[in-house]
Each structure stands twice: as C-alpha cells, then as structure tokens.
PDB file of N, CA and C in Angstrom:
ATOM      1  N   MET A   1      -7.635   3.593  16.178  1.00  0.00           N
ATOM      2  CA  MET A   1      -8.896   2.336  15.866  1.00  0.00           C
ATOM      3  C   MET A   1      -9.913   3.066  15.902  1.00  0.00           C
ATOM      4  N   ARG A   2     -10.349   3.621  17.330  1.00  0.00           N
ATOM      5  CA  ARG A   2     -11.931   3.694  17.445  1.00  0.00           C
ATOM      6  C   ARG A   2     -12.493   4.715  16.161  1.00  0.00           C
ATOM      7  N   ARG A   3     -11.617   5.882  15.595  1.00  0.00           N
ATOM      8  CA  ARG A   3     -12.488   7.170  14.853  1.00  0.00           C
ATOM      9  C   ARG A   3     -12.463   6.261  13.808  1.00  0.00           C
ATOM     10  N   LEU A   4     -11.358   5.663  13.103  1.00  0.00           N
ATOM     11  CA  LEU A   4     -11.780   4.387  11.850  1.00  0.00           C
ATOM     12  C   LEU A   4     -12.349   3.716  11.756  1.00  0.00           C
ATOM     13  N   HIS A   5     -12.815   3.236  13.007  1.00  0.00           N
ATOM     14  CA  HIS A   5     -13.189   1.723  13.258  1.00  0.00           C
ATOM     15  C   HIS A   5     -12.532   0.578  12.829  1.00  0.00           C
ATOM     16  N   ALA A   6     -10.954   0.876  12.725  1.00  0.00           N
ATOM     17  CA  ALA A   6     -10.422  -0.042  12.453  1.00  0.00           C
ATOM     18  C   ALA A   6      -9.552  -1.258  13.460  1.00  0.00           C
ATOM     19  N   ALA A   7      -9.513  -2.226  12.705  1.00  0.00           N
ATOM     20  CA  ALA A   7      -9.016  -3.418  13.906  1.00  0.00           C
ATOM     21  C   ALA A   7      -7.305  -3.162  13.153  1.00  0.00           C
ATOM     22  N   LEU A   8      -6.441  -4.034  14.220  1.00  0.00           N
ATOM     23  CA  LEU A   8      -5.342  -3.866  14.056  1.00  0.00           C
ATOM     24  C   LEU A   8      -4.547  -5.822  14.425  1.00  0.00           C
ATOM     25  N   VAL A   9      -3.704  -6.009  13.178  1.00  0.00           N
ATOM     26  CA  VAL A   9      -3.079  -6.908  13.712  1.00  0.00           C
ATOM     27  C   VAL A   9      -2.158  -6.723  14.538  1.00  0.00           C
ATOM     28  N   LEU A  10      -1.339  -7.398  15.372  1.00  0.00           N
ATOM     29  CA  LEU A  10       0.209  -7.370  16.187  1.00  0.00           C
ATOM     30  C   LEU A  10       0.659  -8.716  15.477  1.00  0.00           C
ATOM     31  N   VAL A  11       2.047  -8.218  15.123  1.00  0.00           N
ATOM     32  CA  VAL A  11       2.781  -9.520  14.421  1.00  0.00           C
ATOM     33  C   VAL A  11       4.211  -9.061  15.237  1.00  0.00           C
ATOM     34  N   VAL A  12       4.416 -10.064  16.261  1.00  0.00           N
ATOM     35  CA  VAL A  12       5.943  -9.636  17.344  1.00  0.00           C
ATOM     36  C   VAL A  12       6.434 -10.929  17.102  1.00  0.00           C
ATOM     37  N   GLY A  13       7.519 -10.510  16.648  1.00  0.00           N
ATOM     38  CA  GLY A  13       9.111 -11.824  16.450  1.00  0.00           C
ATOM     39  C   GLY A  13      10.139 -11.304  16.019  1.00  0.00           C
ATOM     40  N   ASP A  14      10.947 -11.814  15.926  1.00  0.00           N
ATOM     41  CA  ASP A  14      12.522 -11.502  15.385  1.00  0.00           C
ATOM     42  C   ASP A  14      13.203 -12.353  14.209  1.00  0.00           C
ATOM     43  N   ASP A  15      13.514 -13.720  14.522  1.00  0.00           N
ATOM     44  CA  ASP A  15      13.759 -14.559  13.594  1.00  0.00           C
ATOM     45  C   ASP A  15      12.870 -15.589  12.986  1.00  0.00           C
ATOM     46  N   ARG A  16      12.066 -15.280  13.584  1.00  0.00           N
ATOM     47  CA  ARG A  16      10.285 -15.765  13.080  1.00  0.00           C
ATOM     48  C   ARG A  16       9.288 -15.614  14.371  1.00  0.00           C
ATOM     49  N   VAL A  17       8.018 -15.641  13.888  1.00  0.00           N
ATOM     50  CA  VAL A  17       6.849 -15.168  14.224  1.00  0.00           C
ATOM     51  C   VAL A  17       6.765 -15.314  15.730  1.00  0.00           C
ATOM     52  N   ARG A  18       6.910 -15.033  16.354  1.00  0.00           N
ATOM     53  CA  ARG A  18       6.655 -15.229  17.430  1.00  0.00           C
ATOM     54  C   ARG A  18       5.248 -15.300  18.260  1.00  0.00           C
ATOM     55  N   GLU A  19       4.433 -14.454  17.809  1.00  0.00           N
ATOM     56  CA  GLU A  19       2.938 -14.308  18.341  1.00  0.00           C
ATOM     57  C   GLU A  19       2.065 -13.175  17.202  1.00  0.00           C
ATOM     58  N   VAL A  20       1.200 -13.367  16.885  1.00  0.00           N
ATOM     59  CA  VAL A  20       0.404 -12.737  16.367  1.00  0.00           C
ATOM     60  C   VAL A  20      -0.919 -12.598  17.372  1.00  0.00           C
ATOM     61  N   SER A  21      -1.933 -11.346  17.366  1.00  0.00           N
ATOM     62  CA  SER A  21      -2.991 -10.960  18.132  1.00  0.00           C
ATOM     63  C   SER A  21      -3.600 -10.434  17.240  1.00  0.00           C
ATOM     64  N   ARG A  22      -5.062 -10.443  17.550  1.00  0.00           N
ATOM     65  CA  ARG A  22      -5.860  -9.358  16.544  1.00  0.00           C
ATOM     66  C   ARG A  22      -6.405  -8.357  17.894  1.00  0.00           C
ATOM     67  N   PHE A  23      -6.137  -7.449  16.992  1.00  0.00           N
ATOM     68  CA  PHE A  23      -7.341  -6.181  18.069  1.00  0.00           C
ATOM     69  C   PHE A  23      -8.783  -5.884  17.340  1.00  0.00           C
ATOM     70  N   GLU A  24      -9.980  -5.900  17.773  1.00  0.00           N
ATOM     71  CA  GLU A  24     -10.607  -5.287  17.185  1.00  0.00           C
ATOM     72  C   GLU A  24     -11.427  -3.796  17.822  1.00  0.00           C
ATOM     73  N   PRO A  25     -11.537  -2.871  16.576  1.00  0.00           N
ATOM     74  CA  PRO A  25     -11.895  -1.461  16.983  1.00  0.00           C
ATOM     75  C   PRO A  25     -13.142  -1.521  18.426  1.00  0.00           C
ATOM     76  N   GLY A  26     -12.326  -1.002  19.399  1.00  0.00           N
ATOM     77  CA  GLY A  26     -13.119  -0.788  20.170  1.00  0.00           C
ATOM     78  C   GLY A  26     -11.924   0.189  21.276  1.00  0.00           C
ATOM     79  N   GLN A  27     -12.615   0.117  22.654  1.00  0.00           N
ATOM     80  CA  GLN A  27     -12.399   0.949  23.645  1.00  0.00           C
ATOM     81  C   GLN A  27     -11.168   0.147  24.186  1.00  0.00           C
ATOM     82  N   GLY A  28     -11.385  -1.017  24.416  1.00  0.00           N
ATOM     83  CA  GLY A  28     -10.696  -2.019  25.246  1.00  0.00           C
ATOM     84  C   GLY A  28      -9.075  -2.209  24.731  1.00  0.00           C
ATOM     85  N   ALA A  29      -9.519  -1.921  23.374  1.00  0.00           N
ATOM     86  CA  ALA A  29      -7.999  -2.903  22.474  1.00  0.00           C
ATOM     87  C   ALA A  29      -6.853  -1.584  22.581  1.00  0.00           C
ATOM     88  N   LEU A  30      -6.947  -1.150  23.116  1.00  0.00           N
ATOM     89  CA  LEU A  30      -5.957   0.280  23.504  1.00  0.00           C
ATOM     90  C   LEU A  30      -4.889   0.218  24.751  1.00  0.00           C
ATOM     91  N   GLN A  31      -5.926  -0.539  25.288  1.00  0.00           N
ATOM     92  CA  GLN A  31      -5.456  -0.813  26.741  1.00  0.00           C
ATOM     93  C   GLN A  31      -4.598  -2.245  26.557  1.00  0.00           C
ATOM     94  N   ALA A  32      -5.378  -3.283  25.731  1.00  0.00           N
ATOM     95  CA  ALA A  32      -4.971  -4.082  25.688  1.00  0.00           C
ATOM     96  C   ALA A  32      -3.549  -4.517  25.098  1.00  0.00           C
ATOM     97  N   LEU A  33      -3.297  -3.801  23.786  1.00  0.00           N
ATOM     98  CA  LEU A  33      -2.313  -3.481  23.281  1.00  0.00           C
ATOM     99  C   LEU A  33      -0.987  -2.778  24.361  1.00  0.00           C
ATOM    100  N   LEU A  34      -1.262  -2.011  25.086  1.00  0.00           N
ATOM    101  CA  LEU A  34      -0.561  -1.118  25.611  1.00  0.00           C
ATOM    102  C   LEU A  34       0.059  -2.031  27.334  1.00  0.00           C
ATOM    103  N   ALA A  35      -0.529  -3.180  26.962  1.00  0.00           N
ATOM    104  CA  ALA A  35      -0.578  -4.454  28.388  1.00  0.00           C
ATOM    105  C   ALA A  35       0.301  -5.489  27.843  1.00  0.00           C
ATOM    106  N   LEU A  36       0.746  -5.673  26.666  1.00  0.00           N
ATOM    107  CA  LEU A  36       1.189  -6.640  25.869  1.00  0.00           C
ATOM    108  C   LEU A  36       2.566  -6.203  26.789  1.00  0.00           C
ATOM    109  N   ALA A  37       3.685  -7.324  26.709  1.00  0.00           N
ATOM    110  CA  ALA A  37       4.805  -7.429  26.946  1.00  0.00           C
ATOM    111  C   ALA A  37       5.724  -8.013  25.899  1.00  0.00           C
ATOM    112  N   VAL A  38       6.567  -6.927  25.357  1.00  0.00           N
ATOM    113  CA  VAL A  38       7.211  -7.119  23.584  1.00  0.00           C
ATOM    114  C   VAL A  38       8.383  -6.683  24.204  1.00  0.00           C
ATOM    115  N   LYS A  39       9.852  -7.698  24.058  1.00  0.00           N
ATOM    116  CA  LYS A  39      11.212  -7.042  24.247  1.00  0.00           C
ATOM    117  C   LYS A  39      11.720  -7.752  23.099  1.00  0.00           C
ATOM    118  N   GLY A  40      12.986  -6.816  22.681  1.00  0.00           N
ATOM    119  CA  GLY A  40      13.678  -7.467  21.448  1.00  0.00           C
ATOM    120  C   GLY A  40      15.007  -8.019  21.594  1.00  0.00           C
ATOM    121  N   GLY A  41      15.706  -8.441  20.844  1.00  0.00           N
ATOM    122  CA  GLY A  41      16.734  -9.337  21.046  1.00  0.00           C
ATOM    123  C   GLY A  41      17.865  -9.304  19.654  1.00  0.00           C
ATOM    124  N   GLY A  42      17.318  -8.747  18.825  1.00  0.00           N
ATOM    125  CA  GLY A  42      18.300  -9.134  17.618  1.00  0.00           C
ATOM    126  C   GLY A  42      17.905  -9.989  17.017  1.00  0.00           C
ATOM    127  N   ASP A  43      19.004 -10.690  15.819  1.00  0.00           N
ATOM    128  CA  ASP A  43      19.087 -11.414  15.121  1.00  0.00           C
ATOM    129  C   ASP A  43      17.655 -11.525  14.159  1.00  0.00           C
ATOM    130  N   THR A  44      16.993 -10.259  13.858  1.00  0.00           N
ATOM    131  CA  THR A  44      15.893  -9.824  13.446  1.00  0.00           C
ATOM    132  C   THR A  44      16.087 -10.627  11.759  1.00  0.00           C
ATOM    133  N   ASP A  45      14.723 -11.101  11.199  1.00  0.00           N
ATOM    134  CA  ASP A  45      15.017 -11.775   9.612  1.00  0.00           C
ATOM    135  C   ASP A  45      13.022 -11.040   9.213  1.00  0.00           C
ATOM    136  N   PHE A  46      13.123 -10.157   9.087  1.00  0.00           N
ATOM    137  CA  PHE A  46      11.785  -9.381   8.682  1.00  0.00           C
ATOM    138  C   PHE A  46      10.899  -9.783   7.400  1.00  0.00           C
ATOM    139  N   THR A  47      11.376 -10.579   6.780  1.00  0.00           N
ATOM    140  CA  THR A  47      11.048 -11.661   6.021  1.00  0.00           C
ATOM    141  C   THR A  47       9.661 -12.462   6.318  1.00  0.00           C
ATOM    142  N   PRO A  48       9.837 -13.488   7.615  1.00  0.00           N
ATOM    143  CA  PRO A  48       8.830 -13.626   8.076  1.00  0.00           C
ATOM    144  C   PRO A  48       7.400 -13.211   8.652  1.00  0.00           C
ATOM    145  N   LEU A  49       7.975 -12.337   9.108  1.00  0.00           N
ATOM    146  CA  LEU A  49       7.232 -11.088  10.190  1.00  0.00           C
ATOM    147  C   LEU A  49       6.352 -10.426   9.349  1.00  0.00           C
ATOM    148  N   LEU A  50       6.934  -9.866   8.152  1.00  0.00           N
ATOM    149  CA  LEU A  50       6.220  -9.038   6.761  1.00  0.00           C
ATOM    150  C   LEU A  50       5.422 -10.189   5.982  1.00  0.00           C
ATOM    151  N   GLU A  51       5.678 -11.090   5.717  1.00  0.00           N
ATOM    152  CA  GLU A  51       4.608 -12.084   4.850  1.00  0.00           C
ATOM    153  C   GLU A  51       3.530 -12.422   5.783  1.00  0.00           C
ATOM    154  N   GLU A  52       4.066 -13.120   7.236  1.00  0.00           N
ATOM    155  CA  GLU A  52       2.776 -13.093   8.316  1.00  0.00           C
ATOM    156  C   GLU A  52       1.454 -11.978   8.479  1.00  0.00           C
ATOM    157  N   ALA A  53       2.185 -10.426   8.236  1.00  0.00           N
ATOM    158  CA  ALA A  53       1.213  -9.489   8.424  1.00  0.00           C
ATOM    159  C   ALA A  53       0.886  -9.707   6.880  1.00  0.00           C
ATOM    160  N   ASP A  54       1.523  -9.236   6.150  1.00  0.00           N
ATOM    161  CA  ASP A  54       0.657  -9.461   4.529  1.00  0.00           C
ATOM    162  C   ASP A  54      -0.926 -10.715   4.679  1.00  0.00           C
ATOM    163  N   ARG A  55      -0.682 -11.855   5.248  1.00  0.00           N
ATOM    164  CA  ARG A  55      -2.006 -12.837   5.145  1.00  0.00           C
ATOM    165  C   ARG A  55      -3.167 -11.792   5.511  1.00  0.00           C
ATOM    166  N   HIS A  56      -2.606 -10.528   6.621  1.00  0.00           N
ATOM    167  CA  HIS A  56      -4.274 -10.420   7.193  1.00  0.00           C
ATOM    168  C   HIS A  56      -4.530  -8.963   5.957  1.00  0.00           C
ATOM    169  N   ARG A  57      -3.808  -8.820   5.018  1.00  0.00           N
ATOM    170  CA  ARG A  57      -4.184  -7.801   4.195  1.00  0.00           C
ATOM    171  C   ARG A  57      -4.314  -6.487   4.303  1.00  0.00           C
ATOM    172  N   PRO A  58      -3.494  -6.061   5.385  1.00  0.00           N
ATOM    173  CA  PRO A  58      -3.273  -4.449   6.048  1.00  0.00           C
ATOM    174  C   PRO A  58      -3.434  -3.322   4.941  1.00  0.00           C
ATOM    175  N   ASP A  59      -4.112  -2.383   5.415  1.00  0.00           N
ATOM    176  CA  ASP A  59      -3.767  -1.237   4.418  1.00  0.00           C
ATOM    177  C   ASP A  59      -2.713  -0.543   4.299  1.00  0.00           C
ATOM    178  N   LEU A  60      -2.047  -0.613   5.830  1.00  0.00           N
ATOM    179  CA  LEU A  60      -0.416  -0.322   6.301  1.00  0.00           C
ATOM    180  C   LEU A  60       0.255  -1.108   7.126  1.00  0.00           C
ATOM    181  N   THR A  61       1.491  -1.502   7.107  1.00  0.00           N
ATOM    182  CA  THR A  61       1.958  -2.436   8.738  1.00  0.00           C
ATOM    183  C   THR A  61       3.077  -1.583   8.397  1.00  0.00           C
ATOM    184  N   VAL A  62       3.123  -1.576   9.863  1.00  0.00           N
ATOM    185  CA  VAL A  62       4.056  -0.403  10.414  1.00  0.00           C
ATOM    186  C   VAL A  62       5.124  -1.369  11.243  1.00  0.00           C
ATOM    187  N   LEU A  63       6.190  -1.433  11.269  1.00  0.00           N
ATOM    188  CA  LEU A  63       7.524  -1.752  12.233  1.00  0.00           C
ATOM    189  C   LEU A  63       7.178  -1.636  12.957  1.00  0.00           C
ATOM    190  N   LEU A  64       8.329  -1.533  14.159  1.00  0.00           N
ATOM    191  CA  LEU A  64       8.592  -0.810  15.177  1.00  0.00           C
ATOM    192  C   LEU A  64      10.424  -1.546  15.727  1.00  0.00           C
ATOM    193  N   THR A  65      11.133  -0.912  14.466  1.00  0.00           N
ATOM    194  CA  THR A  65      12.652  -1.479  14.515  1.00  0.00           C
ATOM    195  C   THR A  65      13.232  -0.811  14.493  1.00  0.00           C
ATOM    196  N   ASP A  66      15.054  -0.847  14.832  1.00  0.00           N
ATOM    197  CA  ASP A  66      16.202  -0.634  14.828  1.00  0.00           C
ATOM    198  C   ASP A  66      16.603  -1.131  12.723  1.00  0.00           C
ATOM    199  N   LEU A  67      15.715  -1.630  11.844  1.00  0.00           N
ATOM    200  CA  LEU A  67      16.046  -1.537  10.822  1.00  0.00           C
ATOM    201  C   LEU A  67      17.190  -2.456  10.537  1.00  0.00           C
ATOM    202  N   GLN A  68      17.922  -3.586  11.357  1.00  0.00           N
ATOM    203  CA  GLN A  68      18.929  -4.168  11.490  1.00  0.00           C
ATOM    204  C   GLN A  68      18.720  -5.673  10.885  1.00  0.00           C
ATOM    205  N   GLY A  69      18.822  -6.119   9.910  1.00  0.00           N
ATOM    206  CA  GLY A  69      18.170  -7.338   9.353  1.00  0.00           C
ATOM    207  C   GLY A  69      17.739  -6.406   7.906  1.00  0.00           C
ATOM    208  N   PRO A  70      17.529  -8.239   7.564  1.00  0.00           N
ATOM    209  CA  PRO A  70      16.740  -8.451   6.453  1.00  0.00           C
ATOM    210  C   PRO A  70      15.749  -8.566   5.678  1.00  0.00           C
ATOM    211  N   ALA A  71      14.862  -7.797   4.508  1.00  0.00           N
ATOM    212  CA  ALA A  71      13.864  -8.068   4.383  1.00  0.00           C
ATOM    213  C   ALA A  71      13.364  -8.357   2.256  1.00  0.00           C
ATOM    214  N   HIS A  72      13.026  -9.654   2.784  1.00  0.00           N
ATOM    215  CA  HIS A  72      13.433 -10.192   1.495  1.00  0.00           C
ATOM    216  C   HIS A  72      11.732 -10.478   1.079  1.00  0.00           C
ATOM    217  N   HIS A  73      11.021  -9.723   1.509  1.00  0.00           N
ATOM    218  CA  HIS A  73       9.542  -9.651   1.131  1.00  0.00           C
ATOM    219  C   HIS A  73       8.680  -7.880   1.629  1.00  0.00           C
ATOM    220  N   ARG A  74       7.959  -7.780   0.267  1.00  0.00           N
ATOM    221  CA  ARG A  74       7.466  -6.678   0.468  1.00  0.00           C
ATOM    222  C   ARG A  74       5.831  -6.567   0.231  1.00  0.00           C
ATOM    223  N   PRO A  75       5.525  -6.205   1.349  1.00  0.00           N
ATOM    224  CA  PRO A  75       3.982  -6.481   1.161  1.00  0.00           C
ATOM    225  C   PRO A  75       3.292  -5.615   0.757  1.00  0.00           C
ATOM    226  N   GLN A  76       1.668  -6.325   0.069  1.00  0.00           N
ATOM    227  CA  GLN A  76       1.220  -5.057  -1.125  1.00  0.00           C
ATOM    228  C   GLN A  76       1.044  -3.788  -0.632  1.00  0.00           C
ATOM    229  N   GLY A  77       0.283  -3.709   1.106  1.00  0.00           N
ATOM    230  CA  GLY A  77       0.098  -2.204   1.254  1.00  0.00           C
ATOM    231  C   GLY A  77       0.903  -1.343   1.512  1.00  0.00           C
ATOM    232  N   GLY A  78       1.209  -0.116   2.183  1.00  0.00           N
ATOM    233  CA  GLY A  78       2.099   1.149   2.400  1.00  0.00           C
ATOM    234  C   GLY A  78       3.327  -0.060   3.716  1.00  0.00           C
ATOM    235  N   VAL A  79       4.270   0.453   3.634  1.00  0.00           N
ATOM    236  CA  VAL A  79       4.871   0.167   4.693  1.00  0.00           C
ATOM    237  C   VAL A  79       5.761   1.553   5.736  1.00  0.00           C
ATOM    238  N   LEU A  80       5.796   0.976   6.681  1.00  0.00           N
ATOM    239  CA  LEU A  80       5.994   2.583   8.114  1.00  0.00           C
ATOM    240  C   LEU A  80       7.042   1.887   8.823  1.00  0.00           C
ATOM    241  N   TRP A  81       8.634   2.249   8.482  1.00  0.00           N
ATOM    242  CA  TRP A  81       9.409   1.530   9.156  1.00  0.00           C
ATOM    243  C   TRP A  81       9.359   2.489  10.644  1.00  0.00           C
ATOM    244  N   ALA A  82       9.104   2.635  11.898  1.00  0.00           N
ATOM    245  CA  ALA A  82       9.938   3.589  13.399  1.00  0.00           C
ATOM    246  C   ALA A  82      10.531   3.027  13.778  1.00  0.00           C
ATOM    247  N   VAL A  83      11.800   4.348  13.773  1.00  0.00           N
ATOM    248  CA  VAL A  83      12.666   3.747  14.296  1.00  0.00           C
ATOM    249  C   VAL A  83      13.411   4.588  15.780  1.00  0.00           C
ATOM    250  N   PRO A  84      13.580   4.455  16.499  1.00  0.00           N
ATOM    251  CA  PRO A  84      14.279   5.402  17.701  1.00  0.00           C
ATOM    252  C   PRO A  84      15.535   5.885  17.410  1.00  0.00           C
ATOM    253  N   PRO A  85      16.093   7.416  17.933  1.00  0.00           N
ATOM    254  CA  PRO A  85      16.582   8.490  17.276  1.00  0.00           C
ATOM    255  C   PRO A  85      18.240   7.929  16.878  1.00  0.00           C
ATOM    256  N   ALA A  86      18.390   6.698  17.649  1.00  0.00           N
ATOM    257  CA  ALA A  86      19.411   5.847  17.200  1.00  0.00           C
ATOM    258  C   ALA A  86      19.480   5.296  16.502  1.00  0.00           C
ATOM    259  N   PHE A  87      19.140   5.545  15.618  1.00  0.00           N
ATOM    260  CA  PHE A  87      18.865   4.489  14.033  1.00  0.00           C
ATOM    261  C   PHE A  87      18.649   5.200  12.806  1.00  0.00           C
ATOM    262  N   ALA A  88      18.170   6.692  13.536  1.00  0.00           N
ATOM    263  CA  ALA A  88      17.979   7.944  11.861  1.00  0.00           C
ATOM    264  C   ALA A  88      18.827   7.612  10.932  1.00  0.00           C
ATOM    265  N   HIS A  89      19.704   7.043  10.718  1.00  0.00           N
ATOM    266  CA  HIS A  89      20.492   7.024   9.408  1.00  0.00           C
ATOM    267  C   HIS A  89      20.352   5.657   9.154  1.00  0.00           C
ATOM    268  N   ALA A  90      19.638   4.621   9.247  1.00  0.00           N
ATOM    269  CA  ALA A  90      19.397   3.245   8.907  1.00  0.00           C
ATOM    270  C   ALA A  90      18.729   3.455   7.870  1.00  0.00           C
ATOM    271  N   VAL A  91      18.794   2.711   6.667  1.00  0.00           N
ATOM    272  CA  VAL A  91      17.524   2.619   5.569  1.00  0.00           C
ATOM    273  C   VAL A  91      17.118   1.845   5.200  1.00  0.00           C
ATOM    274  N   ALA A  92      16.033   2.121   5.464  1.00  0.00           N
ATOM    275  CA  ALA A  92      15.021   1.287   5.085  1.00  0.00           C
ATOM    276  C   ALA A  92      14.842   0.460   3.434  1.00  0.00           C
ATOM    277  N   PRO A  93      14.486  -0.430   3.830  1.00  0.00           N
ATOM    278  CA  PRO A  93      14.681  -1.101   2.334  1.00  0.00           C
ATOM    279  C   PRO A  93      13.702  -1.183   1.283  1.00  0.00           C
ATOM    280  N   PHE A  94      12.366  -0.434   1.797  1.00  0.00           N
ATOM    281  CA  PHE A  94      11.374  -0.108   0.848  1.00  0.00           C
ATOM    282  C   PHE A  94      10.733   0.625   1.978  1.00  0.00           C
ATOM    283  N   GLY A  95       9.605   0.632   1.520  1.00  0.00           N
ATOM    284  CA  GLY A  95       8.288   2.293   2.031  1.00  0.00           C
ATOM    285  C   GLY A  95       9.574   3.070   2.406  1.00  0.00           C
ATOM    286  N   ARG A  96       8.555   3.816   3.860  1.00  0.00           N
ATOM    287  CA  ARG A  96       9.010   4.807   4.623  1.00  0.00           C
ATOM    288  C   ARG A  96       9.816   4.773   5.788  1.00  0.00           C
ATOM    289  N   LYS A  97      10.367   6.069   6.289  1.00  0.00           N
ATOM    290  CA  LYS A  97      11.042   5.637   7.519  1.00  0.00           C
ATOM    291  C   LYS A  97      10.512   6.697   8.366  1.00  0.00           C
ATOM    292  N   LEU A  98       9.826   6.452   9.790  1.00  0.00           N
ATOM    293  CA  LEU A  98      10.057   7.782  10.683  1.00  0.00           C
ATOM    294  C   LEU A  98      10.920   7.239  12.154  1.00  0.00           C
ATOM    295  N   VAL A  99      11.200   8.817  12.851  1.00  0.00           N
ATOM    296  CA  VAL A  99      12.201   8.969  13.374  1.00  0.00           C
ATOM    297  C   VAL A  99      11.399   9.169  14.612  1.00  0.00           C
ATOM    298  N   LEU A 100      11.290   8.187  15.537  1.00  0.00           N
ATOM    299  CA  LEU A 100      10.476   8.547  16.927  1.00  0.00           C
ATOM    300  C   LEU A 100      11.519   9.011  17.716  1.00  0.00           C
ATOM    301  N   ARG A 101      10.734  10.269  18.433  1.00  0.00           N
ATOM    302  CA  ARG A 101      11.493  11.335  19.496  1.00  0.00           C
ATOM    303  C   ARG A 101      11.179  11.084  20.476  1.00  0.00           C
TER     304      ARG A 101
END
C-alpha cells in the first residue's frame, strides 16, 4: 500500500456483507488492518461480497476463503482467491487461485 500509494477496501462477510473498512495508504494502515478481528463460520455466498467490492472499482479483488460457496457475480477487475492448503484442490469459479502455505 505504501510503495504503490494504493488504498485498500476490506469487505468482510459470509452470507451477506458484515463490514466494509477503507484503509488509506500510509504506515498506520497495516497495523489497523492486522488489528481487525475477522472470523469465519461457513454458509458463504460470495455474490454480495463481490458486488460490494465491485462498487469500489478495485484493480484487484482478493478473497481469503475456502472456496466453499456460490459466486454469481464476476467483478470488473482481476480476482485472486487465496485459499489454505487444505482447500488446494477446490476449483475457483473464475480468476486465479493462490494456495497459502
């Protein structure tokens, strides 16, 4: 964020959008982002999350997920699905998949 002077919009949700936070470029943004308490719980529907992300016109949408749920909206920009190793064989509906190790 600092090097590219890029802002970050974080959309947190599961079956719906629960929280939207915007982080401006700068040194304090990463600390604020790391301090967020985000928990999963299943029943994910990526559609409302992707629609909300798209409203912010991002260059790239990154989803931290297990890929377990429908995605009926494809954002305008690129999409990267970041998944834990246990879900390395899950199929992304579109975009690219990155397995976190």
